[in-house]
Amino acid sequence: MPSSRPRLLPWPGLNGQPCFLVSDDTGTSHLSRLADEMEAVQLRTGAELLGHARPLLRDRKADACELRFVGHRLAEALHDALRVAESRGQRLEDREETAPEQS
């Protein structure tokens, strides 16, 4: 059953505000699939970044500029991951609300 709640998209709207998709489909539209792909890329990028950040953070010779750069990128990746989690959590709630009760 389609969700009546707008889907939080993984990219910002105008002026950095949240962007939503209002649709009557079941997640099969072109824009829904694009959002799914973007979420996967964001999560994969965050995991790869974490793999690069850990050794840098252990390196006592890393300078402040390098650490600041990786810190900013980690903050961006965390922001993206939290947006994905929020969006997916809302969609899970919708599924639970529309699921038939089992006796």
PDB file of N, CA and C in Angstrom:
ATOM      1  N   MET A   1       0.846  -1.190   0.000  1.00  0.00           N
ATOM      2  CA  MET A   1       0.000   0.000   0.000  1.00  0.00           C
ATOM      3  C   MET A   1       0.882   1.242   0.000  1.00  0.00           C
ATOM      4  N   PRO A   2       0.574   2.233  -0.820  1.00  0.00           N
ATOM      5  CA  PRO A   2       1.375   3.450  -0.884  1.00  0.00           C
ATOM      6  C   PRO A   2       1.326   4.234   0.422  1.00  0.00           C
ATOM      7  N   SER A   3       2.397   4.947   0.698  1.00  0.00           N
ATOM      8  CA  SER A   3       2.470   5.777   1.892  1.00  0.00           C
ATOM      9  C   SER A   3       1.798   7.117   1.634  1.00  0.00           C
ATOM     10  N   SER A   4       1.141   7.632   2.653  1.00  0.00           N
ATOM     11  CA  SER A   4       0.554   8.965   2.533  1.00  0.00           C
ATOM     12  C   SER A   4       1.532  10.030   3.018  1.00  0.00           C
ATOM     13  N   ARG A   5       2.613   9.606   3.636  1.00  0.00           N
ATOM     14  CA  ARG A   5       3.605  10.532   4.166  1.00  0.00           C
ATOM     15  C   ARG A   5       4.644  10.854   3.092  1.00  0.00           C
ATOM     16  N   PRO A   6       5.014  12.128   2.941  1.00  0.00           N
ATOM     17  CA  PRO A   6       6.066  12.476   1.984  1.00  0.00           C
ATOM     18  C   PRO A   6       7.390  11.814   2.373  1.00  0.00           C
ATOM     19  N   ARG A   7       8.146  11.404   1.373  1.00  0.00           N
ATOM     20  CA  ARG A   7       9.444  10.768   1.613  1.00  0.00           C
ATOM     21  C   ARG A   7      10.529  11.831   1.695  1.00  0.00           C
ATOM     22  N   LEU A   8      11.306  11.795   2.757  1.00  0.00           N
ATOM     23  CA  LEU A   8      12.466  12.670   2.884  1.00  0.00           C
ATOM     24  C   LEU A   8      13.529  12.184   1.908  1.00  0.00           C
ATOM     25  N   LEU A   9      13.940  13.063   1.011  1.00  0.00           N
ATOM     26  CA  LEU A   9      14.920  12.697  -0.010  1.00  0.00           C
ATOM     27  C   LEU A   9      16.343  12.909   0.506  1.00  0.00           C
ATOM     28  N   PRO A  10      17.318  12.203  -0.063  1.00  0.00           N
ATOM     29  CA  PRO A  10      18.687  12.273   0.453  1.00  0.00           C
ATOM     30  C   PRO A  10      19.486  13.485  -0.015  1.00  0.00           C
ATOM     31  N   TRP A  11      18.834  14.452  -0.611  1.00  0.00           N
ATOM     32  CA  TRP A  11      19.519  15.673  -1.027  1.00  0.00           C
ATOM     33  C   TRP A  11      18.706  16.861  -0.526  1.00  0.00           C
ATOM     34  N   PRO A  12      19.367  17.992  -0.320  1.00  0.00           N
ATOM     35  CA  PRO A  12      18.649  19.162   0.183  1.00  0.00           C
ATOM     36  C   PRO A  12      17.850  19.860  -0.909  1.00  0.00           C
ATOM     37  N   GLY A  13      16.830  20.577  -0.475  1.00  0.00           N
ATOM     38  CA  GLY A  13      16.060  21.415  -1.376  1.00  0.00           C
ATOM     39  C   GLY A  13      16.678  22.803  -1.415  1.00  0.00           C
ATOM     40  N   LEU A  14      15.866  23.774  -1.778  1.00  0.00           N
ATOM     41  CA  LEU A  14      16.344  25.155  -1.843  1.00  0.00           C
ATOM     42  C   LEU A  14      16.834  25.623  -0.487  1.00  0.00           C
ATOM     43  N   ASN A  15      17.926  26.366  -0.493  1.00  0.00           N
ATOM     44  CA  ASN A  15      18.503  26.943   0.721  1.00  0.00           C
ATOM     45  C   ASN A  15      18.835  25.893   1.768  1.00  0.00           C
ATOM     46  N   GLY A  16      19.093  24.658   1.342  1.00  0.00           N
ATOM     47  CA  GLY A  16      19.479  23.608   2.276  1.00  0.00           C
ATOM     48  C   GLY A  16      18.341  22.995   3.062  1.00  0.00           C
ATOM     49  N   GLN A  17      17.121  23.390   2.739  1.00  0.00           N
ATOM     50  CA  GLN A  17      15.970  22.853   3.462  1.00  0.00           C
ATOM     51  C   GLN A  17      15.700  21.418   3.029  1.00  0.00           C
ATOM     52  N   PRO A  18      15.029  20.632   3.893  1.00  0.00           N
ATOM     53  CA  PRO A  18      14.695  19.260   3.517  1.00  0.00           C
ATOM     54  C   PRO A  18      13.857  19.223   2.239  1.00  0.00           C
ATOM     55  N   CYS A  19      14.089  18.205   1.440  1.00  0.00           N
ATOM     56  CA  CYS A  19      13.378  18.012   0.182  1.00  0.00           C
ATOM     57  C   CYS A  19      12.557  16.728   0.308  1.00  0.00           C
ATOM     58  N   PHE A  20      11.305  16.783  -0.116  1.00  0.00           N
ATOM     59  CA  PHE A  20      10.406  15.641   0.036  1.00  0.00           C
ATOM     60  C   PHE A  20       9.821  15.231  -1.307  1.00  0.00           C
ATOM     61  N   LEU A  21       9.498  13.942  -1.404  1.00  0.00           N
ATOM     62  CA  LEU A  21       8.813  13.391  -2.564  1.00  0.00           C
ATOM     63  C   LEU A  21       7.418  12.991  -2.121  1.00  0.00           C
ATOM     64  N   VAL A  22       6.425  13.548  -2.791  1.00  0.00           N
ATOM     65  CA  VAL A  22       5.040  13.158  -2.554  1.00  0.00           C
ATOM     66  C   VAL A  22       4.623  12.326  -3.752  1.00  0.00           C
ATOM     67  N   SER A  23       4.247  11.095  -3.494  1.00  0.00           N
ATOM     68  CA  SER A  23       3.968  10.171  -4.584  1.00  0.00           C
ATOM     69  C   SER A  23       2.885   9.195  -4.160  1.00  0.00           C
ATOM     70  N   ASP A  24       2.164   8.682  -5.140  1.00  0.00           N
ATOM     71  CA  ASP A  24       1.152   7.677  -4.826  1.00  0.00           C
ATOM     72  C   ASP A  24       1.619   6.283  -5.238  1.00  0.00           C
ATOM     73  N   ASP A  25       2.935   6.163  -5.554  1.00  0.00           N
ATOM     74  CA  ASP A  25       3.431   4.846  -5.959  1.00  0.00           C
ATOM     75  C   ASP A  25       3.987   4.084  -4.754  1.00  0.00           C
ATOM     76  N   THR A  26       4.483   2.919  -4.998  1.00  0.00           N
ATOM     77  CA  THR A  26       5.015   2.076  -3.926  1.00  0.00           C
ATOM     78  C   THR A  26       6.539   2.084  -3.904  1.00  0.00           C
ATOM     79  N   GLY A  27       7.130   3.171  -4.330  1.00  0.00           N
ATOM     80  CA  GLY A  27       8.581   3.283  -4.327  1.00  0.00           C
ATOM     81  C   GLY A  27       9.234   2.819  -5.604  1.00  0.00           C
ATOM     82  N   THR A  28       8.448   2.707  -6.672  1.00  0.00           N
ATOM     83  CA  THR A  28       9.000   2.209  -7.934  1.00  0.00           C
ATOM     84  C   THR A  28       9.185   3.303  -8.978  1.00  0.00           C
ATOM     85  N   SER A  29       8.866   4.539  -8.642  1.00  0.00           N
ATOM     86  CA  SER A  29       9.018   5.624  -9.614  1.00  0.00           C
ATOM     87  C   SER A  29      10.502   5.897  -9.867  1.00  0.00           C
ATOM     88  N   HIS A  30      10.770   6.597 -10.950  1.00  0.00           N
ATOM     89  CA  HIS A  30      12.151   6.950 -11.300  1.00  0.00           C
ATOM     90  C   HIS A  30      12.798   7.738 -10.164  1.00  0.00           C
ATOM     91  N   LEU A  31      12.089   8.707  -9.608  1.00  0.00           N
ATOM     92  CA  LEU A  31      12.655   9.535  -8.549  1.00  0.00           C
ATOM     93  C   LEU A  31      12.883   8.724  -7.275  1.00  0.00           C
ATOM     94  N   SER A  32      11.985   7.803  -6.957  1.00  0.00           N
ATOM     95  CA  SER A  32      12.178   6.933  -5.788  1.00  0.00           C
ATOM     96  C   SER A  32      13.420   6.066  -5.956  1.00  0.00           C
ATOM     97  N   ARG A  33      13.591   5.500  -7.143  1.00  0.00           N
ATOM     98  CA  ARG A  33      14.767   4.659  -7.400  1.00  0.00           C
ATOM     99  C   ARG A  33      16.046   5.491  -7.361  1.00  0.00           C
ATOM    100  N   LEU A  34      15.992   6.712  -7.887  1.00  0.00           N
ATOM    101  CA  LEU A  34      17.147   7.606  -7.838  1.00  0.00           C
ATOM    102  C   LEU A  34      17.512   7.915  -6.383  1.00  0.00           C
ATOM    103  N   ALA A  35      16.512   8.175  -5.561  1.00  0.00           N
ATOM    104  CA  ALA A  35      16.754   8.448  -4.140  1.00  0.00           C
ATOM    105  C   ALA A  35      17.365   7.222  -3.456  1.00  0.00           C
ATOM    106  N   ASP A  36      16.861   6.022  -3.774  1.00  0.00           N
ATOM    107  CA  ASP A  36      17.430   4.790  -3.207  1.00  0.00           C
ATOM    108  C   ASP A  36      18.904   4.653  -3.582  1.00  0.00           C
ATOM    109  N   GLU A  37      19.214   4.912  -4.852  1.00  0.00           N
ATOM    110  CA  GLU A  37      20.599   4.813  -5.319  1.00  0.00           C
ATOM    111  C   GLU A  37      21.483   5.851  -4.631  1.00  0.00           C
ATOM    112  N   MET A  38      20.967   7.074  -4.467  1.00  0.00           N
ATOM    113  CA  MET A  38      21.731   8.136  -3.818  1.00  0.00           C
ATOM    114  C   MET A  38      22.003   7.787  -2.355  1.00  0.00           C
ATOM    115  N   GLU A  39      21.008   7.230  -1.669  1.00  0.00           N
ATOM    116  CA  GLU A  39      21.216   6.807  -0.279  1.00  0.00           C
ATOM    117  C   GLU A  39      22.317   5.754  -0.199  1.00  0.00           C
ATOM    118  N   ALA A  40      22.295   4.800  -1.113  1.00  0.00           N
ATOM    119  CA  ALA A  40      23.315   3.747  -1.118  1.00  0.00           C
ATOM    120  C   ALA A  40      24.704   4.341  -1.347  1.00  0.00           C
ATOM    121  N   VAL A  41      24.805   5.289  -2.262  1.00  0.00           N
ATOM    122  CA  VAL A  41      26.090   5.947  -2.531  1.00  0.00           C
ATOM    123  C   VAL A  41      26.555   6.712  -1.299  1.00  0.00           C
ATOM    124  N   GLN A  42      25.649   7.438  -0.657  1.00  0.00           N
ATOM    125  CA  GLN A  42      26.022   8.212   0.527  1.00  0.00           C
ATOM    126  C   GLN A  42      26.535   7.301   1.641  1.00  0.00           C
ATOM    127  N   LEU A  43      25.856   6.184   1.877  1.00  0.00           N
ATOM    128  CA  LEU A  43      26.286   5.275   2.937  1.00  0.00           C
ATOM    129  C   LEU A  43      27.616   4.604   2.590  1.00  0.00           C
ATOM    130  N   ARG A  44      27.781   4.220   1.346  1.00  0.00           N
ATOM    131  CA  ARG A  44      29.039   3.611   0.901  1.00  0.00           C
ATOM    132  C   ARG A  44      30.195   4.611   1.027  1.00  0.00           C
ATOM    133  N   THR A  45      29.942   5.854   0.632  1.00  0.00           N
ATOM    134  CA  THR A  45      30.967   6.896   0.729  1.00  0.00           C
ATOM    135  C   THR A  45      31.361   7.130   2.182  1.00  0.00           C
ATOM    136  N   GLY A  46      30.381   7.150   3.073  1.00  0.00           N
ATOM    137  CA  GLY A  46      30.673   7.316   4.497  1.00  0.00           C
ATOM    138  C   GLY A  46      31.534   6.189   5.040  1.00  0.00           C
ATOM    139  N   ALA A  47      31.232   4.962   4.637  1.00  0.00           N
ATOM    140  CA  ALA A  47      32.023   3.809   5.082  1.00  0.00           C
ATOM    141  C   ALA A  47      33.454   3.893   4.550  1.00  0.00           C
ATOM    142  N   GLU A  48      33.605   4.285   3.291  1.00  0.00           N
ATOM    143  CA  GLU A  48      34.944   4.431   2.706  1.00  0.00           C
ATOM    144  C   GLU A  48      35.719   5.548   3.400  1.00  0.00           C
ATOM    145  N   LEU A  49      35.042   6.649   3.675  1.00  0.00           N
ATOM    146  CA  LEU A  49      35.679   7.771   4.362  1.00  0.00           C
ATOM    147  C   LEU A  49      36.160   7.348   5.744  1.00  0.00           C
ATOM    148  N   LEU A  50      35.341   6.599   6.448  1.00  0.00           N
ATOM    149  CA  LEU A  50      35.726   6.116   7.769  1.00  0.00           C
ATOM    150  C   LEU A  50      36.979   5.246   7.679  1.00  0.00           C
ATOM    151  N   GLY A  51      37.054   4.438   6.635  1.00  0.00           N
ATOM    152  CA  GLY A  51      38.241   3.611   6.423  1.00  0.00           C
ATOM    153  C   GLY A  51      39.503   4.431   6.207  1.00  0.00           C
ATOM    154  N   HIS A  52      39.383   5.596   5.590  1.00  0.00           N
ATOM    155  CA  HIS A  52      40.536   6.481   5.389  1.00  0.00           C
ATOM    156  C   HIS A  52      40.816   7.324   6.633  1.00  0.00           C
ATOM    157  N   ALA A  53      39.767   7.673   7.365  1.00  0.00           N
ATOM    158  CA  ALA A  53      39.922   8.568   8.509  1.00  0.00           C
ATOM    159  C   ALA A  53      40.610   7.889   9.688  1.00  0.00           C
ATOM    160  N   ARG A  54      40.289   6.640   9.928  1.00  0.00           N
ATOM    161  CA  ARG A  54      40.862   5.955  11.101  1.00  0.00           C
ATOM    162  C   ARG A  54      42.392   5.975  11.101  1.00  0.00           C
ATOM    163  N   PRO A  55      43.041   5.579  10.003  1.00  0.00           N
ATOM    164  CA  PRO A  55      44.515   5.635  10.018  1.00  0.00           C
ATOM    165  C   PRO A  55      45.045   7.065  10.182  1.00  0.00           C
ATOM    166  N   LEU A  56      44.378   8.022   9.567  1.00  0.00           N
ATOM    167  CA  LEU A  56      44.816   9.412   9.690  1.00  0.00           C
ATOM    168  C   LEU A  56      44.703   9.878  11.139  1.00  0.00           C
ATOM    169  N   LEU A  57      43.634   9.510  11.803  1.00  0.00           N
ATOM    170  CA  LEU A  57      43.450   9.920  13.193  1.00  0.00           C
ATOM    171  C   LEU A  57      44.456   9.246  14.125  1.00  0.00           C
ATOM    172  N   ARG A  58      44.950   8.077  13.752  1.00  0.00           N
ATOM    173  CA  ARG A  58      45.976   7.388  14.554  1.00  0.00           C
ATOM    174  C   ARG A  58      47.382   7.937  14.278  1.00  0.00           C
ATOM    175  N   ASP A  59      47.543   8.631  13.168  1.00  0.00           N
ATOM    176  CA  ASP A  59      48.854   9.137  12.755  1.00  0.00           C
ATOM    177  C   ASP A  59      49.212  10.391  13.549  1.00  0.00           C
ATOM    178  N   ARG A  60      50.203  10.267  14.408  1.00  0.00           N
ATOM    179  CA  ARG A  60      50.613  11.407  15.243  1.00  0.00           C
ATOM    180  C   ARG A  60      51.266  12.522  14.418  1.00  0.00           C
ATOM    181  N   LYS A  61      51.645  12.207  13.185  1.00  0.00           N
ATOM    182  CA  LYS A  61      52.274  13.209  12.317  1.00  0.00           C
ATOM    183  C   LYS A  61      51.255  13.964  11.463  1.00  0.00           C
ATOM    184  N   ALA A  62      49.996  13.582  11.541  1.00  0.00           N
ATOM    185  CA  ALA A  62      48.960  14.281  10.763  1.00  0.00           C
ATOM    186  C   ALA A  62      48.859  15.720  11.261  1.00  0.00           C
ATOM    187  N   ASP A  63      48.816  16.654  10.323  1.00  0.00           N
ATOM    188  CA  ASP A  63      48.748  18.054  10.746  1.00  0.00           C
ATOM    189  C   ASP A  63      47.295  18.507  10.929  1.00  0.00           C
ATOM    190  N   ALA A  64      47.154  19.678  11.501  1.00  0.00           N
ATOM    191  CA  ALA A  64      45.825  20.205  11.831  1.00  0.00           C
ATOM    192  C   ALA A  64      44.946  20.360  10.596  1.00  0.00           C
ATOM    193  N   CYS A  65      45.543  20.762   9.486  1.00  0.00           N
ATOM    194  CA  CYS A  65      44.771  20.947   8.251  1.00  0.00           C
ATOM    195  C   CYS A  65      44.173  19.618   7.784  1.00  0.00           C
ATOM    196  N   GLU A  66      44.970  18.549   7.816  1.00  0.00           N
ATOM    197  CA  GLU A  66      44.476  17.224   7.423  1.00  0.00           C
ATOM    198  C   GLU A  66      43.360  16.759   8.353  1.00  0.00           C
ATOM    199  N   LEU A  67      43.562  16.955   9.642  1.00  0.00           N
ATOM    200  CA  LEU A  67      42.565  16.523  10.621  1.00  0.00           C
ATOM    201  C   LEU A  67      41.273  17.320  10.489  1.00  0.00           C
ATOM    202  N   ARG A  68      41.407  18.613  10.258  1.00  0.00           N
ATOM    203  CA  ARG A  68      40.229  19.450  10.067  1.00  0.00           C
ATOM    204  C   ARG A  68      39.461  19.013   8.815  1.00  0.00           C
ATOM    205  N   PHE A  69      40.198  18.728   7.735  1.00  0.00           N
ATOM    206  CA  PHE A  69      39.570  18.282   6.493  1.00  0.00           C
ATOM    207  C   PHE A  69      38.793  16.986   6.714  1.00  0.00           C
ATOM    208  N   VAL A  70      39.441  15.999   7.321  1.00  0.00           N
ATOM    209  CA  VAL A  70      38.751  14.722   7.529  1.00  0.00           C
ATOM    210  C   VAL A  70      37.594  14.892   8.513  1.00  0.00           C
ATOM    211  N   GLY A  71      37.751  15.781   9.480  1.00  0.00           N
ATOM    212  CA  GLY A  71      36.656  16.049  10.421  1.00  0.00           C
ATOM    213  C   GLY A  71      35.430  16.616   9.722  1.00  0.00           C
ATOM    214  N   HIS A  72      35.650  17.538   8.803  1.00  0.00           N
ATOM    215  CA  HIS A  72      34.537  18.105   8.026  1.00  0.00           C
ATOM    216  C   HIS A  72      33.866  17.040   7.164  1.00  0.00           C
ATOM    217  N   ARG A  73      34.681  16.218   6.519  1.00  0.00           N
ATOM    218  CA  ARG A  73      34.107  15.160   5.659  1.00  0.00           C
ATOM    219  C   ARG A  73      33.330  14.146   6.494  1.00  0.00           C
ATOM    220  N   LEU A  74      33.846  13.805   7.686  1.00  0.00           N
ATOM    221  CA  LEU A  74      33.125  12.876   8.567  1.00  0.00           C
ATOM    222  C   LEU A  74      31.796  13.479   9.022  1.00  0.00           C
ATOM    223  N   ALA A  75      31.798  14.779   9.314  1.00  0.00           N
ATOM    224  CA  ALA A  75      30.553  15.445   9.709  1.00  0.00           C
ATOM    225  C   ALA A  75      29.540  15.412   8.568  1.00  0.00           C
ATOM    226  N   GLU A  76      29.998  15.636   7.343  1.00  0.00           N
ATOM    227  CA  GLU A  76      29.101  15.560   6.182  1.00  0.00           C
ATOM    228  C   GLU A  76      28.539  14.152   6.019  1.00  0.00           C
ATOM    229  N   ALA A  77      29.405  13.145   6.177  1.00  0.00           N
ATOM    230  CA  ALA A  77      28.965  11.757   6.033  1.00  0.00           C
ATOM    231  C   ALA A  77      27.966  11.388   7.127  1.00  0.00           C
ATOM    232  N   LEU A  78      28.202  11.868   8.345  1.00  0.00           N
ATOM    233  CA  LEU A  78      27.263  11.600   9.438  1.00  0.00           C
ATOM    234  C   LEU A  78      25.922  12.271   9.159  1.00  0.00           C
ATOM    235  N   HIS A  79      25.961  13.488   8.670  1.00  0.00           N
ATOM    236  CA  HIS A  79      24.727  14.193   8.312  1.00  0.00           C
ATOM    237  C   HIS A  79      23.933  13.394   7.281  1.00  0.00           C
ATOM    238  N   ASP A  80      24.622  12.919   6.250  1.00  0.00           N
ATOM    239  CA  ASP A  80      23.956  12.120   5.214  1.00  0.00           C
ATOM    240  C   ASP A  80      23.377  10.834   5.795  1.00  0.00           C
ATOM    241  N   ALA A  81      24.153  10.151   6.637  1.00  0.00           N
ATOM    242  CA  ALA A  81      23.689   8.885   7.219  1.00  0.00           C
ATOM    243  C   ALA A  81      22.474   9.103   8.117  1.00  0.00           C
ATOM    244  N   LEU A  82      22.466  10.193   8.872  1.00  0.00           N
ATOM    245  CA  LEU A  82      21.314  10.488   9.731  1.00  0.00           C
ATOM    246  C   LEU A  82      20.075  10.803   8.899  1.00  0.00           C
ATOM    247  N   ARG A  83      20.246  11.496   7.786  1.00  0.00           N
ATOM    248  CA  ARG A  83      19.117  11.789   6.901  1.00  0.00           C
ATOM    249  C   ARG A  83      18.561  10.486   6.317  1.00  0.00           C
ATOM    250  N   VAL A  84      19.446   9.581   5.897  1.00  0.00           N
ATOM    251  CA  VAL A  84      19.014   8.287   5.363  1.00  0.00           C
ATOM    252  C   VAL A  84      18.263   7.512   6.447  1.00  0.00           C
ATOM    253  N   ALA A  85      18.801   7.498   7.654  1.00  0.00           N
ATOM    254  CA  ALA A  85      18.148   6.776   8.751  1.00  0.00           C
ATOM    255  C   ALA A  85      16.769   7.362   9.051  1.00  0.00           C
ATOM    256  N   GLU A  86      16.663   8.677   9.056  1.00  0.00           N
ATOM    257  CA  GLU A  86      15.369   9.318   9.306  1.00  0.00           C
ATOM    258  C   GLU A  86      14.364   8.948   8.221  1.00  0.00           C
ATOM    259  N   SER A  87      14.789   9.029   6.976  1.00  0.00           N
ATOM    260  CA  SER A  87      13.905   8.713   5.858  1.00  0.00           C
ATOM    261  C   SER A  87      13.453   7.257   5.908  1.00  0.00           C
ATOM    262  N   ARG A  88      14.397   6.357   6.132  1.00  0.00           N
ATOM    263  CA  ARG A  88      14.052   4.929   6.177  1.00  0.00           C
ATOM    264  C   ARG A  88      13.190   4.612   7.389  1.00  0.00           C
ATOM    265  N   GLY A  89      13.468   5.266   8.504  1.00  0.00           N
ATOM    266  CA  GLY A  89      12.654   5.055   9.701  1.00  0.00           C
ATOM    267  C   GLY A  89      11.209   5.470   9.481  1.00  0.00           C
ATOM    268  N   GLN A  90      11.008   6.591   8.807  1.00  0.00           N
ATOM    269  CA  GLN A  90       9.644   7.036   8.510  1.00  0.00           C
ATOM    270  C   GLN A  90       8.931   6.037   7.613  1.00  0.00           C
ATOM    271  N   ARG A  91       9.648   5.499   6.638  1.00  0.00           N
ATOM    272  CA  ARG A  91       9.019   4.532   5.729  1.00  0.00           C
ATOM    273  C   ARG A  91       8.713   3.226   6.444  1.00  0.00           C
ATOM    274  N   LEU A  92       9.544   2.829   7.402  1.00  0.00           N
ATOM    275  CA  LEU A  92       9.254   1.623   8.184  1.00  0.00           C
ATOM    276  C   LEU A  92       8.006   1.824   9.037  1.00  0.00           C
ATOM    277  N   GLU A  93       7.887   3.014   9.638  1.00  0.00           N
ATOM    278  CA  GLU A  93       6.693   3.319  10.434  1.00  0.00           C
ATOM    279  C   GLU A  93       5.441   3.219   9.578  1.00  0.00           C
ATOM    280  N   ASP A  94       5.517   3.725   8.350  1.00  0.00           N
ATOM    281  CA  ASP A  94       4.368   3.658   7.446  1.00  0.00           C
ATOM    282  C   ASP A  94       3.988   2.212   7.160  1.00  0.00           C
ATOM    283  N   ARG A  95       4.986   1.361   6.950  1.00  0.00           N
ATOM    284  CA  ARG A  95       4.704  -0.053   6.672  1.00  0.00           C
ATOM    285  C   ARG A  95       4.062  -0.728   7.875  1.00  0.00           C
ATOM    286  N   GLU A  96       4.555  -0.392   9.080  1.00  0.00           N
ATOM    287  CA  GLU A  96       3.997  -0.994  10.288  1.00  0.00           C
ATOM    288  C   GLU A  96       2.549  -0.562  10.494  1.00  0.00           C
ATOM    289  N   GLU A  97       2.249   0.694  10.177  1.00  0.00           N
ATOM    290  CA  GLU A  97       0.886   1.203  10.347  1.00  0.00           C
ATOM    291  C   GLU A  97      -0.087   0.553   9.376  1.00  0.00           C
ATOM    292  N   THR A  98       0.387   0.188   8.187  1.00  0.00           N
ATOM    293  CA  THR A  98      -0.509  -0.372   7.178  1.00  0.00           C
ATOM    294  C   THR A  98      -0.479  -1.894   7.138  1.00  0.00           C
ATOM    295  N   ALA A  99       0.405  -2.515   7.928  1.00  0.00           N
ATOM    296  CA  ALA A  99       0.492  -3.981   7.925  1.00  0.00           C
ATOM    297  C   ALA A  99      -0.749  -4.579   8.581  1.00  0.00           C
ATOM    298  N   PRO A 100      -1.282  -5.658   8.015  1.00  0.00           N
ATOM    299  CA  PRO A 100      -2.445  -6.303   8.629  1.00  0.00           C
ATOM    300  C   PRO A 100      -2.052  -6.958   9.949  1.00  0.00           C
ATOM    301  N   GLU A 101      -2.951  -6.912  10.890  1.00  0.00           N
ATOM    302  CA  GLU A 101      -2.708  -7.522  12.197  1.00  0.00           C
ATOM    303  C   GLU A 101      -2.809  -9.027  12.081  1.00  0.00           C
ATOM    304  N   GLN A 102      -1.889  -9.728  12.755  1.00  0.00           N
ATOM    305  CA  GLN A 102      -1.918 -11.187  12.737  1.00  0.00           C
ATOM    306  C   GLN A 102      -2.565 -11.685  14.015  1.00  0.00           C
ATOM    307  N   SER A 103      -3.413 -12.688  13.892  1.00  0.00           N
ATOM    308  CA  SER A 103      -4.113 -13.235  15.065  1.00  0.00           C
ATOM    309  C   SER A 103      -3.382 -14.410  15.624  1.00  0.00           C
TER     310      SER A 103
END
